[in-house]
Protein backbone atom coordinates (compact mmCIF):
# COMPACT_ATOMS: atom_id res chain seq x y z
CA UNK A 1 -123.71 -19.67 19.19
CA UNK A 2 -120.12 -19.18 18.12
CA UNK A 3 -117.31 -18.27 20.49
CA UNK A 4 -119.54 -17.42 23.43
CA UNK A 5 -120.47 -14.09 24.86
CA UNK A 6 -119.16 -12.19 27.83
CA UNK A 7 -122.45 -13.20 29.48
CA UNK A 8 -121.56 -16.89 28.98
CA UNK A 9 -118.10 -16.28 30.40
CA UNK A 10 -119.57 -14.57 33.44
CA UNK A 11 -122.06 -17.42 33.97
CA UNK A 12 -119.16 -19.89 33.85
CA UNK A 13 -117.16 -17.81 36.35
CA UNK A 14 -120.22 -17.62 38.62
CA UNK A 15 -120.65 -21.41 38.39
CA UNK A 16 -117.04 -22.09 39.34
CA UNK A 17 -117.27 -19.62 42.22
CA UNK A 18 -120.39 -21.50 43.41
CA UNK A 19 -118.31 -24.69 43.19
CA UNK A 20 -115.67 -23.14 45.47
CA UNK A 21 -118.32 -21.97 47.94
CA UNK A 22 -119.96 -25.42 48.08
CA UNK A 23 -116.57 -27.02 48.77
CA UNK A 24 -115.78 -24.55 51.55
CA UNK A 25 -119.23 -25.02 53.08
CA UNK A 26 -118.97 -28.81 52.77
CA UNK A 27 -122.36 -28.84 51.01
CA UNK A 28 -122.42 -31.96 48.85
CA UNK A 29 -125.95 -31.43 47.50
CA UNK A 30 -125.16 -27.89 46.36
CA UNK A 31 -121.95 -29.18 44.78
CA UNK A 32 -123.65 -32.05 42.93
CA UNK A 33 -126.25 -29.64 41.53
CA UNK A 34 -123.42 -27.92 39.62
CA UNK A 35 -122.49 -31.10 37.74
CA UNK A 36 -124.00 -32.71 34.65
CA UNK A 37 -125.68 -36.07 35.20
CA UNK A 38 -122.79 -37.78 33.39
CA UNK A 39 -119.95 -35.80 35.03
CA UNK A 40 -116.51 -37.41 35.22
CA UNK A 41 -113.66 -36.28 37.47
CA UNK A 42 -110.03 -37.18 36.81
CA UNK A 43 -108.27 -36.56 40.15
CA UNK A 44 -104.48 -36.75 40.44
CA UNK A 45 -103.06 -40.25 40.91
CA UNK A 46 -106.51 -41.90 41.09
CA UNK A 47 -108.85 -43.63 38.67
CA UNK A 48 -111.58 -41.62 36.96
CA UNK A 49 -114.69 -41.04 39.09
CA UNK A 50 -118.18 -41.05 37.58
CA UNK A 51 -121.77 -41.79 38.57
CA UNK A 52 -122.37 -43.14 42.05
CA UNK A 53 -118.63 -43.59 42.63
CA UNK A 54 -118.09 -39.85 41.99
CA UNK A 55 -120.92 -38.87 44.35
CA UNK A 56 -119.59 -41.18 47.07
CA UNK A 57 -115.99 -40.00 46.59
CA UNK A 58 -116.99 -36.32 46.80
CA UNK A 59 -119.21 -36.95 49.86
CA UNK A 60 -116.44 -38.80 51.69
CA UNK A 61 -113.96 -36.03 50.94
CA UNK A 62 -116.28 -33.30 52.24
CA UNK A 63 -117.09 -35.37 55.34
CA UNK A 64 -113.43 -36.06 56.14
CA UNK A 65 -111.83 -32.68 55.42
CA UNK A 66 -112.55 -29.11 56.41
CA UNK A 67 -111.56 -26.54 53.77
CA UNK A 68 -110.67 -23.37 55.70
CA UNK A 69 -109.59 -21.23 52.81
CA UNK A 70 -109.85 -21.61 49.08
CA UNK A 71 -108.29 -19.16 46.65
CA UNK A 72 -109.52 -19.71 43.11
CA UNK A 73 -108.30 -17.94 39.97
CA UNK A 74 -109.84 -18.10 36.50
CA UNK A 75 -107.58 -18.79 33.55
CA UNK A 76 -108.37 -18.88 29.86
CA UNK A 77 -111.97 -19.78 29.01
CA UNK A 78 -112.82 -20.97 25.49
CA UNK A 79 -116.47 -21.36 24.50
CA UNK A 80 -117.63 -23.14 21.36
CA UNK A 81 -121.35 -23.58 20.95
CA UNK A 82 -122.58 -25.53 24.00
CA UNK A 83 -119.13 -26.59 25.29
CA UNK A 84 -116.55 -24.61 27.20
CA UNK A 85 -113.04 -25.25 28.55
CA UNK A 86 -112.11 -23.24 31.61
CA UNK A 87 -108.57 -23.25 33.01
CA UNK A 88 -108.13 -22.51 36.69
CA UNK A 89 -105.67 -22.46 39.53
CA UNK A 90 -106.57 -23.09 43.12
CA UNK A 91 -104.88 -22.99 46.50
CA UNK A 92 -106.57 -24.35 49.58
CA UNK A 93 -105.89 -24.97 53.21
CA UNK A 94 -107.48 -28.14 54.55
CA UNK A 95 -107.62 -29.88 57.92
CA UNK A 96 -108.71 -33.48 58.43
CA UNK A 97 -111.87 -33.80 60.58
CA UNK A 98 -112.46 -33.91 63.50
CA UNK A 99 -108.94 -32.62 64.16
CA UNK A 100 -105.69 -32.88 62.35
CA UNK A 101 -102.72 -31.06 60.94
CA UNK A 102 -103.64 -28.36 58.38
CA UNK A 103 -102.00 -28.53 54.97
CA UNK A 104 -101.87 -26.26 51.94
CA UNK A 105 -102.20 -27.64 48.40
CA UNK A 106 -102.09 -25.86 45.06
CA UNK A 107 -103.77 -27.13 41.91
CA UNK A 108 -104.04 -26.31 38.25
CA UNK A 109 -106.83 -27.75 36.18
CA UNK A 110 -109.44 -27.61 33.47
CA UNK A 111 -113.19 -27.76 33.68
CA UNK A 112 -115.09 -28.91 30.62
CA UNK A 113 -118.54 -27.40 30.87
CA UNK A 114 -121.72 -28.06 28.94
CA UNK A 115 -124.62 -25.71 28.39
CA UNK A 116 -127.87 -27.37 29.45
CA UNK A 117 -131.09 -26.92 27.37
CA UNK A 118 -132.16 -24.37 30.02
CA UNK A 119 -129.10 -22.26 29.13
CA UNK A 120 -127.34 -22.98 32.45
CA UNK A 121 -123.73 -24.14 32.37
CA UNK A 122 -122.72 -27.24 34.34
CA UNK A 123 -119.41 -29.00 34.95
CA UNK A 124 -119.10 -32.09 32.76
CA UNK A 125 -115.43 -32.93 33.33
CA UNK A 126 -112.93 -31.79 35.94
CA UNK A 127 -109.26 -32.60 35.38
CA UNK A 128 -106.57 -31.33 37.75
CA UNK A 129 -103.24 -32.00 39.34
CA UNK A 130 -101.14 -30.50 42.07
CA UNK A 131 -98.81 -27.65 41.20
CA UNK A 132 -95.59 -27.98 43.22
CA UNK A 133 -94.27 -24.63 41.93
CA UNK A 134 -96.96 -22.90 43.98
CA UNK A 135 -96.55 -24.89 47.22
CA UNK A 136 -95.79 -21.87 49.40
CA UNK A 137 -97.93 -21.19 52.46
């Protein structure tokens, strides 16, 4: 399958845009459907999250925070056979629920994606950190 086609790249971009939409909508089930069964997240300043701990951590986040705006930008995407690395940047405005002070955070990160036997791409690893250079509201 080589370096991947433009079709693969577009499917990966569509997947990550669906990820953004699920976060903004607070839809944990839609979000989890985008992940491989063995997905691992490496959030900034926390231990790795996998399995039931990952599902619980994501659910708690989406229950506790409202994401009012999320700006997502695709970076370099490298595809080799059934694996892909996708760089991204993200800026979001969040407010703690039920009410709280809004804040803006910027991130830079990498998704590692895996092509499923069906041909669909899913997020296998998500590694990110905050980007203080972009912390302008």
